[in-house]
Amino acid sequence: MNKVILTGRLTRDPEVRYTKSGKAVASFTIAVDRRFGRRNADQQQDGQPTADFIPCVAWEHQADFVGNHLIKGSPVLVEGRMQVRSYEAQDGSRRYVTEVVTNNIEFNGPRPQGAPQGGMGMGQAAPQPQQAPQGGNGFGNMPPSDDEIPF
């Protein structure tokens, strides 16, 4: 199984381009924090956070979403698959690229200042808050009894 789930922040504004056939493709990199800090020369934790910088690629509608709604610093959750590909550089050498091809991209927290306002995920409108039903049958003021929980 090839499945990747990452949460992090965009390191720069996404780059959106179009193929000859008109398909949108967005390239961006996210910084994903590690759970441990850097070690200094004495192999002691110095408390500095470390991050991995993961290149990601989004196609078609997701590419449009990324280009229209995300900017440097945007917190995102990315789901996709790891892809390794190679190409021949202009100097004739073989180059290898490892990247995440996205299946799903979601906002993951507050947007940075200056981020465009719009949908909350893949072009969907932001959900409107709903009133809790009267009478305590929902999750409003009174928690449901054990008999009302469906599992």
N, C-alpha and C. Protein backbone atom coordinates (compact mmCIF):
# COMPACT_ATOMS: atom_id res chain seq x y z
N MET A 1 0.85 -1.17 0.00
CA MET A 1 0.00 0.00 0.00
C MET A 1 0.90 1.24 0.00
N ASN A 2 0.57 2.19 -0.81
CA ASN A 2 1.34 3.43 -0.93
C ASN A 2 0.43 4.58 -0.54
N LYS A 3 0.46 4.97 0.74
CA LYS A 3 -0.39 6.05 1.23
C LYS A 3 0.42 6.93 2.16
N VAL A 4 0.31 8.24 1.94
CA VAL A 4 1.05 9.22 2.73
C VAL A 4 0.05 10.22 3.28
N ILE A 5 0.16 10.53 4.58
CA ILE A 5 -0.64 11.58 5.20
C ILE A 5 0.33 12.49 5.93
N LEU A 6 0.32 13.77 5.55
CA LEU A 6 1.25 14.74 6.12
C LEU A 6 0.49 15.97 6.59
N THR A 7 0.97 16.58 7.64
CA THR A 7 0.44 17.85 8.07
C THR A 7 1.61 18.80 8.28
N GLY A 8 1.47 19.99 7.73
CA GLY A 8 2.55 20.97 7.82
C GLY A 8 2.12 22.30 7.25
N ARG A 9 3.11 23.13 6.93
CA ARG A 9 2.86 24.46 6.39
C ARG A 9 3.59 24.63 5.06
N LEU A 10 2.96 25.36 4.14
CA LEU A 10 3.61 25.63 2.85
C LEU A 10 4.85 26.49 3.08
N THR A 11 5.94 26.12 2.43
CA THR A 11 7.20 26.86 2.58
C THR A 11 7.28 28.07 1.67
N ARG A 12 6.46 28.08 0.62
CA ARG A 12 6.40 29.22 -0.31
C ARG A 12 5.06 29.15 -1.03
N ASP A 13 4.75 30.20 -1.76
CA ASP A 13 3.50 30.19 -2.54
C ASP A 13 3.55 29.07 -3.57
N PRO A 14 2.42 28.39 -3.80
CA PRO A 14 2.40 27.31 -4.80
C PRO A 14 2.64 27.84 -6.20
N GLU A 15 3.19 26.99 -7.03
CA GLU A 15 3.47 27.32 -8.43
C GLU A 15 2.50 26.51 -9.30
N VAL A 16 1.60 27.21 -10.00
CA VAL A 16 0.60 26.53 -10.84
C VAL A 16 0.98 26.73 -12.30
N ARG A 17 1.03 25.62 -13.03
CA ARG A 17 1.30 25.64 -14.48
C ARG A 17 0.25 24.81 -15.17
N TYR A 18 0.28 24.84 -16.50
CA TYR A 18 -0.69 24.08 -17.30
C TYR A 18 0.06 23.25 -18.32
N THR A 19 -0.40 22.01 -18.51
CA THR A 19 0.20 21.14 -19.52
C THR A 19 -0.26 21.60 -20.90
N LYS A 20 0.32 21.01 -21.93
CA LYS A 20 -0.09 21.35 -23.31
C LYS A 20 -1.56 21.01 -23.55
N SER A 21 -2.06 20.00 -22.86
CA SER A 21 -3.47 19.61 -23.03
C SER A 21 -4.40 20.44 -22.14
N GLY A 22 -3.86 21.38 -21.36
CA GLY A 22 -4.69 22.27 -20.56
C GLY A 22 -4.93 21.84 -19.12
N LYS A 23 -4.30 20.76 -18.66
CA LYS A 23 -4.48 20.31 -17.28
C LYS A 23 -3.63 21.17 -16.35
N ALA A 24 -4.23 21.59 -15.23
CA ALA A 24 -3.50 22.38 -14.23
C ALA A 24 -2.66 21.45 -13.37
N VAL A 25 -1.46 21.90 -13.03
CA VAL A 25 -0.59 21.17 -12.11
C VAL A 25 0.05 22.17 -11.16
N ALA A 26 -0.06 21.91 -9.86
CA ALA A 26 0.51 22.80 -8.85
C ALA A 26 1.64 22.09 -8.13
N SER A 27 2.74 22.79 -7.96
CA SER A 27 3.88 22.27 -7.20
C SER A 27 4.04 23.12 -5.96
N PHE A 28 4.23 22.46 -4.83
CA PHE A 28 4.45 23.18 -3.58
C PHE A 28 5.21 22.27 -2.62
N THR A 29 5.79 22.86 -1.62
CA THR A 29 6.56 22.12 -0.62
C THR A 29 5.98 22.43 0.75
N ILE A 30 5.82 21.39 1.57
CA ILE A 30 5.36 21.62 2.93
C ILE A 30 6.46 21.24 3.92
N ALA A 31 6.56 22.02 4.98
CA ALA A 31 7.48 21.75 6.08
C ALA A 31 6.72 20.94 7.12
N VAL A 32 7.22 19.74 7.40
CA VAL A 32 6.58 18.84 8.36
C VAL A 32 7.50 18.72 9.56
N ASP A 33 7.02 19.15 10.73
CA ASP A 33 7.83 19.10 11.95
C ASP A 33 8.12 17.66 12.34
N ARG A 34 9.32 17.44 12.86
CA ARG A 34 9.67 16.15 13.44
C ARG A 34 9.33 16.19 14.91
N ARG A 35 9.19 15.04 15.51
CA ARG A 35 8.86 14.97 16.94
C ARG A 35 10.08 15.05 17.83
N PHE A 36 11.25 15.19 17.26
CA PHE A 36 12.45 15.26 18.06
C PHE A 36 13.28 16.44 17.58
N GLY A 37 14.16 16.94 18.44
CA GLY A 37 14.98 18.08 18.09
C GLY A 37 16.32 17.67 17.52
N ARG A 38 17.04 18.63 16.98
CA ARG A 38 18.38 18.40 16.47
C ARG A 38 19.33 18.02 17.59
N ARG A 39 20.29 17.19 17.28
CA ARG A 39 21.31 16.86 18.28
C ARG A 39 22.56 17.68 18.00
N ASN A 40 23.15 18.19 19.06
CA ASN A 40 24.38 18.95 18.88
C ASN A 40 25.57 17.99 18.88
N ALA A 41 26.78 18.51 18.87
CA ALA A 41 27.99 17.69 18.78
C ALA A 41 28.11 16.70 19.93
N ASP A 42 27.55 17.01 21.10
CA ASP A 42 27.60 16.10 22.26
C ASP A 42 26.44 15.11 22.27
N GLN A 43 25.68 15.06 21.18
CA GLN A 43 24.51 14.18 21.06
C GLN A 43 23.45 14.49 22.10
N GLN A 44 23.37 15.75 22.52
CA GLN A 44 22.34 16.19 23.46
C GLN A 44 21.27 16.94 22.68
N GLN A 45 20.05 16.84 23.13
CA GLN A 45 18.97 17.58 22.50
C GLN A 45 19.17 19.06 22.79
N ASP A 46 19.16 19.90 21.77
CA ASP A 46 19.29 21.34 22.01
C ASP A 46 17.94 22.04 21.97
N GLY A 47 16.86 21.29 21.80
CA GLY A 47 15.53 21.86 21.85
C GLY A 47 15.07 22.57 20.59
N GLN A 48 15.91 22.65 19.57
CA GLN A 48 15.51 23.30 18.33
C GLN A 48 14.65 22.36 17.51
N PRO A 49 13.50 22.84 17.07
CA PRO A 49 12.67 21.97 16.23
C PRO A 49 13.32 21.73 14.88
N THR A 50 13.04 20.56 14.33
CA THR A 50 13.53 20.24 13.00
C THR A 50 12.32 19.94 12.11
N ALA A 51 12.53 20.03 10.83
CA ALA A 51 11.43 19.78 9.89
C ALA A 51 11.98 19.09 8.66
N ASP A 52 11.12 18.33 8.02
CA ASP A 52 11.41 17.76 6.71
C ASP A 52 10.64 18.59 5.70
N PHE A 53 11.23 18.81 4.54
CA PHE A 53 10.61 19.61 3.49
C PHE A 53 10.20 18.66 2.37
N ILE A 54 8.90 18.46 2.23
CA ILE A 54 8.35 17.44 1.35
C ILE A 54 7.74 18.09 0.11
N PRO A 55 8.28 17.78 -1.08
CA PRO A 55 7.67 18.32 -2.30
C PRO A 55 6.37 17.59 -2.62
N CYS A 56 5.36 18.37 -3.05
CA CYS A 56 4.04 17.82 -3.36
C CYS A 56 3.59 18.32 -4.73
N VAL A 57 2.75 17.52 -5.38
CA VAL A 57 2.19 17.88 -6.69
C VAL A 57 0.70 17.61 -6.65
N ALA A 58 -0.08 18.60 -7.10
CA ALA A 58 -1.54 18.45 -7.20
C ALA A 58 -1.93 18.66 -8.65
N TRP A 59 -2.93 17.91 -9.11
CA TRP A 59 -3.37 17.97 -10.51
C TRP A 59 -4.81 18.47 -10.60
N GLU A 60 -5.14 19.06 -11.72
CA GLU A 60 -6.46 19.48 -12.15
C GLU A 60 -7.18 20.32 -11.10
N HIS A 61 -8.34 19.87 -10.58
CA HIS A 61 -9.14 20.69 -9.67
C HIS A 61 -8.37 20.99 -8.39
N GLN A 62 -7.61 20.02 -7.89
CA GLN A 62 -6.82 20.26 -6.68
C GLN A 62 -5.76 21.32 -6.95
N ALA A 63 -5.17 21.32 -8.13
CA ALA A 63 -4.17 22.32 -8.48
C ALA A 63 -4.79 23.71 -8.48
N ASP A 64 -5.99 23.84 -9.03
CA ASP A 64 -6.69 25.12 -9.01
C ASP A 64 -6.98 25.57 -7.59
N PHE A 65 -7.43 24.63 -6.74
CA PHE A 65 -7.71 24.93 -5.34
C PHE A 65 -6.44 25.44 -4.65
N VAL A 66 -5.35 24.73 -4.83
CA VAL A 66 -4.08 25.13 -4.21
C VAL A 66 -3.67 26.52 -4.67
N GLY A 67 -3.74 26.76 -5.97
CA GLY A 67 -3.34 28.05 -6.50
C GLY A 67 -4.21 29.20 -6.06
N ASN A 68 -5.51 28.93 -5.86
CA ASN A 68 -6.46 29.98 -5.50
C ASN A 68 -6.58 30.24 -4.01
N HIS A 69 -6.26 29.24 -3.16
CA HIS A 69 -6.57 29.37 -1.74
C HIS A 69 -5.38 29.25 -0.79
N LEU A 70 -4.23 28.80 -1.26
CA LEU A 70 -3.10 28.59 -0.35
C LEU A 70 -1.97 29.55 -0.66
N ILE A 71 -1.29 29.98 0.39
CA ILE A 71 -0.11 30.83 0.25
C ILE A 71 0.96 30.31 1.20
N LYS A 72 2.12 30.90 1.12
CA LYS A 72 3.21 30.55 2.03
C LYS A 72 2.72 30.63 3.47
N GLY A 73 2.99 29.60 4.24
CA GLY A 73 2.58 29.56 5.64
C GLY A 73 1.24 28.92 5.90
N SER A 74 0.47 28.60 4.86
CA SER A 74 -0.84 27.97 5.06
C SER A 74 -0.68 26.60 5.70
N PRO A 75 -1.40 26.35 6.81
CA PRO A 75 -1.36 25.01 7.42
C PRO A 75 -2.27 24.07 6.64
N VAL A 76 -1.73 22.93 6.21
CA VAL A 76 -2.49 22.00 5.40
C VAL A 76 -2.30 20.57 5.87
N LEU A 77 -3.29 19.75 5.52
CA LEU A 77 -3.20 18.31 5.67
C LEU A 77 -3.25 17.75 4.26
N VAL A 78 -2.24 16.97 3.91
CA VAL A 78 -2.12 16.42 2.55
C VAL A 78 -2.21 14.90 2.64
N GLU A 79 -3.05 14.33 1.80
CA GLU A 79 -3.15 12.88 1.68
C GLU A 79 -2.84 12.53 0.24
N GLY A 80 -2.02 11.51 0.04
CA GLY A 80 -1.68 11.14 -1.32
C GLY A 80 -0.82 9.89 -1.35
N ARG A 81 -0.01 9.81 -2.41
CA ARG A 81 0.88 8.65 -2.57
C ARG A 81 2.28 9.15 -2.89
N MET A 82 3.27 8.40 -2.47
CA MET A 82 4.66 8.72 -2.75
C MET A 82 4.99 8.27 -4.17
N GLN A 83 5.68 9.13 -4.90
CA GLN A 83 6.06 8.80 -6.27
C GLN A 83 7.54 9.11 -6.46
N VAL A 84 8.24 8.20 -7.09
CA VAL A 84 9.64 8.42 -7.47
C VAL A 84 9.70 8.36 -8.98
N ARG A 85 10.23 9.40 -9.57
CA ARG A 85 10.34 9.45 -11.03
C ARG A 85 11.73 9.94 -11.40
N SER A 86 12.11 9.74 -12.64
CA SER A 86 13.42 10.20 -13.10
C SER A 86 13.25 10.91 -14.44
N TYR A 87 14.23 11.75 -14.75
CA TYR A 87 14.24 12.44 -16.03
C TYR A 87 15.69 12.74 -16.40
N GLU A 88 15.89 13.08 -17.65
CA GLU A 88 17.23 13.41 -18.12
C GLU A 88 17.39 14.92 -18.12
N ALA A 89 18.38 15.41 -17.39
CA ALA A 89 18.63 16.85 -17.29
C ALA A 89 19.27 17.35 -18.59
N GLN A 90 19.35 18.68 -18.72
CA GLN A 90 19.92 19.28 -19.92
C GLN A 90 21.38 18.88 -20.14
N ASP A 91 22.09 18.61 -19.03
CA ASP A 91 23.50 18.21 -19.17
C ASP A 91 23.66 16.72 -19.47
N GLY A 92 22.53 16.00 -19.63
CA GLY A 92 22.57 14.59 -19.99
C GLY A 92 22.56 13.65 -18.80
N SER A 93 22.64 14.17 -17.59
CA SER A 93 22.64 13.31 -16.40
C SER A 93 21.22 12.89 -16.04
N ARG A 94 21.10 11.75 -15.38
CA ARG A 94 19.81 11.23 -14.95
C ARG A 94 19.52 11.83 -13.57
N ARG A 95 18.33 12.43 -13.39
CA ARG A 95 17.91 13.02 -12.12
C ARG A 95 16.71 12.25 -11.59
N TYR A 96 16.66 12.10 -10.27
CA TYR A 96 15.56 11.41 -9.61
C TYR A 96 14.82 12.38 -8.70
N VAL A 97 13.50 12.26 -8.69
CA VAL A 97 12.65 13.13 -7.88
C VAL A 97 11.71 12.25 -7.06
N THR A 98 11.62 12.52 -5.76
CA THR A 98 10.66 11.87 -4.89
C THR A 98 9.68 12.94 -4.45
N GLU A 99 8.37 12.68 -4.63
CA GLU A 99 7.36 13.67 -4.30
C GLU A 99 6.07 12.98 -3.90
N VAL A 100 5.17 13.74 -3.29
CA VAL A 100 3.85 13.24 -2.93
C VAL A 100 2.86 13.75 -3.97
N VAL A 101 2.15 12.82 -4.62
CA VAL A 101 1.08 13.18 -5.54
C VAL A 101 -0.20 13.17 -4.71
N THR A 102 -0.85 14.33 -4.61
CA THR A 102 -1.97 14.49 -3.69
C THR A 102 -3.25 13.85 -4.19
N ASN A 103 -4.02 13.31 -3.25
CA ASN A 103 -5.38 12.85 -3.49
C ASN A 103 -6.38 13.78 -2.82
N ASN A 104 -5.95 14.38 -1.70
CA ASN A 104 -6.83 15.25 -0.92
C ASN A 104 -5.98 16.29 -0.21
N ILE A 105 -6.46 17.54 -0.20
CA ILE A 105 -5.78 18.63 0.49
C ILE A 105 -6.83 19.36 1.30
N GLU A 106 -6.52 19.63 2.58
CA GLU A 106 -7.45 20.34 3.44
C GLU A 106 -6.71 21.40 4.23
N PHE A 107 -7.41 22.50 4.53
CA PHE A 107 -6.87 23.48 5.47
C PHE A 107 -6.75 22.78 6.81
N ASN A 108 -5.73 23.14 7.57
CA ASN A 108 -5.50 22.48 8.85
C ASN A 108 -5.23 23.52 9.93
N GLY A 109 -6.17 24.40 10.17
CA GLY A 109 -5.99 25.42 11.18
C GLY A 109 -6.26 26.79 10.62
N PRO A 110 -5.91 27.82 11.39
CA PRO A 110 -6.18 29.18 10.93
C PRO A 110 -5.32 29.53 9.73
N ARG A 111 -5.90 30.32 8.83
CA ARG A 111 -5.16 30.74 7.65
C ARG A 111 -4.20 31.85 8.03
N PRO A 112 -3.04 31.89 7.38
CA PRO A 112 -2.12 33.00 7.64
C PRO A 112 -2.71 34.31 7.12
N GLN A 113 -2.23 35.42 7.67
CA GLN A 113 -2.70 36.72 7.20
C GLN A 113 -2.40 36.87 5.73
N GLY A 114 -3.36 37.39 4.98
CA GLY A 114 -3.18 37.60 3.56
C GLY A 114 -3.66 36.44 2.71
N ALA A 115 -4.08 35.33 3.34
CA ALA A 115 -4.58 34.19 2.57
C ALA A 115 -5.94 34.54 1.99
N PRO A 116 -6.20 34.15 0.75
CA PRO A 116 -7.49 34.43 0.13
C PRO A 116 -8.62 33.77 0.91
N GLN A 117 -9.74 34.45 1.01
CA GLN A 117 -10.92 33.88 1.66
C GLN A 117 -11.67 33.06 0.63
N GLY A 118 -12.32 32.02 1.07
CA GLY A 118 -13.08 31.20 0.14
C GLY A 118 -13.47 29.91 0.80
N GLY A 119 -13.54 28.84 0.02
CA GLY A 119 -13.97 27.54 0.53
C GLY A 119 -13.00 26.97 1.53
N MET A 120 -13.47 25.97 2.27
CA MET A 120 -12.66 25.37 3.31
C MET A 120 -11.90 24.15 2.83
N GLY A 121 -12.25 23.57 1.73
CA GLY A 121 -11.54 22.39 1.27
C GLY A 121 -11.98 22.02 -0.12
N MET A 122 -11.07 21.87 -1.02
CA MET A 122 -11.33 21.46 -2.40
C MET A 122 -12.48 22.23 -3.03
N GLY A 123 -12.55 23.53 -2.75
CA GLY A 123 -13.52 24.38 -3.40
C GLY A 123 -14.90 24.35 -2.78
N GLN A 124 -15.06 23.70 -1.62
CA GLN A 124 -16.36 23.66 -0.97
C GLN A 124 -16.57 24.93 -0.17
N ALA A 125 -17.81 25.35 -0.04
CA ALA A 125 -18.12 26.53 0.76
C ALA A 125 -17.94 26.21 2.23
N ALA A 126 -17.62 27.22 3.01
CA ALA A 126 -17.45 27.04 4.45
C ALA A 126 -18.78 26.61 5.06
N PRO A 127 -18.75 25.63 5.97
CA PRO A 127 -20.00 25.18 6.56
C PRO A 127 -20.62 26.27 7.42
N GLN A 128 -21.94 26.39 7.35
CA GLN A 128 -22.66 27.37 8.15
C GLN A 128 -22.97 26.75 9.50
N PRO A 129 -22.80 27.51 10.59
CA PRO A 129 -23.14 26.96 11.91
C PRO A 129 -24.64 26.66 11.96
N GLN A 130 -24.97 25.55 12.60
CA GLN A 130 -26.36 25.16 12.69
C GLN A 130 -26.81 25.26 14.13
N GLN A 131 -28.08 25.54 14.30
CA GLN A 131 -28.68 25.62 15.62
C GLN A 131 -28.83 24.20 16.17
N ALA A 132 -28.55 24.03 17.44
CA ALA A 132 -28.77 22.74 18.07
C ALA A 132 -30.27 22.50 18.20
N PRO A 133 -30.72 21.27 17.97
CA PRO A 133 -32.16 21.00 18.09
C PRO A 133 -32.63 21.23 19.52
N GLN A 134 -33.85 21.68 19.67
CA GLN A 134 -34.43 21.92 20.98
C GLN A 134 -34.83 20.59 21.61
N GLY A 135 -34.81 20.55 22.93
CA GLY A 135 -35.30 19.36 23.61
C GLY A 135 -34.20 18.43 24.09
N GLY A 136 -32.94 18.70 23.85
CA GLY A 136 -31.85 17.91 24.39
C GLY A 136 -31.63 16.59 23.66
N ASN A 137 -32.16 16.39 22.44
CA ASN A 137 -31.95 15.14 21.73
C ASN A 137 -30.62 15.10 21.00
N GLY A 138 -29.96 16.24 20.78
CA GLY A 138 -28.70 16.26 20.06
C GLY A 138 -27.54 16.44 21.02
N PHE A 139 -26.48 16.99 20.54
CA PHE A 139 -25.30 17.23 21.35
C PHE A 139 -25.25 18.67 21.83
N GLY A 140 -26.42 19.31 21.98
CA GLY A 140 -26.51 20.70 22.40
C GLY A 140 -26.20 20.84 23.87
N ASN A 141 -27.20 21.22 24.65
CA ASN A 141 -27.01 21.49 26.07
C ASN A 141 -26.85 20.22 26.90
N MET A 142 -27.61 19.19 26.57
CA MET A 142 -27.59 17.96 27.36
C MET A 142 -26.92 16.85 26.55
N PRO A 143 -25.99 16.11 27.15
CA PRO A 143 -25.41 14.99 26.41
C PRO A 143 -26.47 13.90 26.22
N PRO A 144 -26.39 13.14 25.13
CA PRO A 144 -27.39 12.09 24.89
C PRO A 144 -27.21 10.95 25.88
N SER A 145 -28.31 10.27 26.13
CA SER A 145 -28.22 9.11 27.02
C SER A 145 -27.57 7.96 26.26
N ASP A 146 -27.15 6.94 26.98
CA ASP A 146 -26.50 5.79 26.35
C ASP A 146 -27.43 5.09 25.37
N ASP A 147 -28.75 5.17 25.60
CA ASP A 147 -29.71 4.51 24.71
C ASP A 147 -29.80 5.20 23.36
N GLU A 148 -29.44 6.50 23.30
CA GLU A 148 -29.55 7.27 22.07
C GLU A 148 -28.32 7.18 21.17
N ILE A 149 -27.20 6.65 21.68
CA ILE A 149 -25.98 6.55 20.90
C ILE A 149 -26.09 5.32 20.01
N PRO A 150 -25.88 5.48 18.67
CA PRO A 150 -26.12 4.38 17.73
C PRO A 150 -25.06 3.30 17.72
N PHE A 151 -24.05 3.34 18.53
CA PHE A 151 -23.01 2.29 18.49
C PHE A 151 -22.67 1.80 19.86
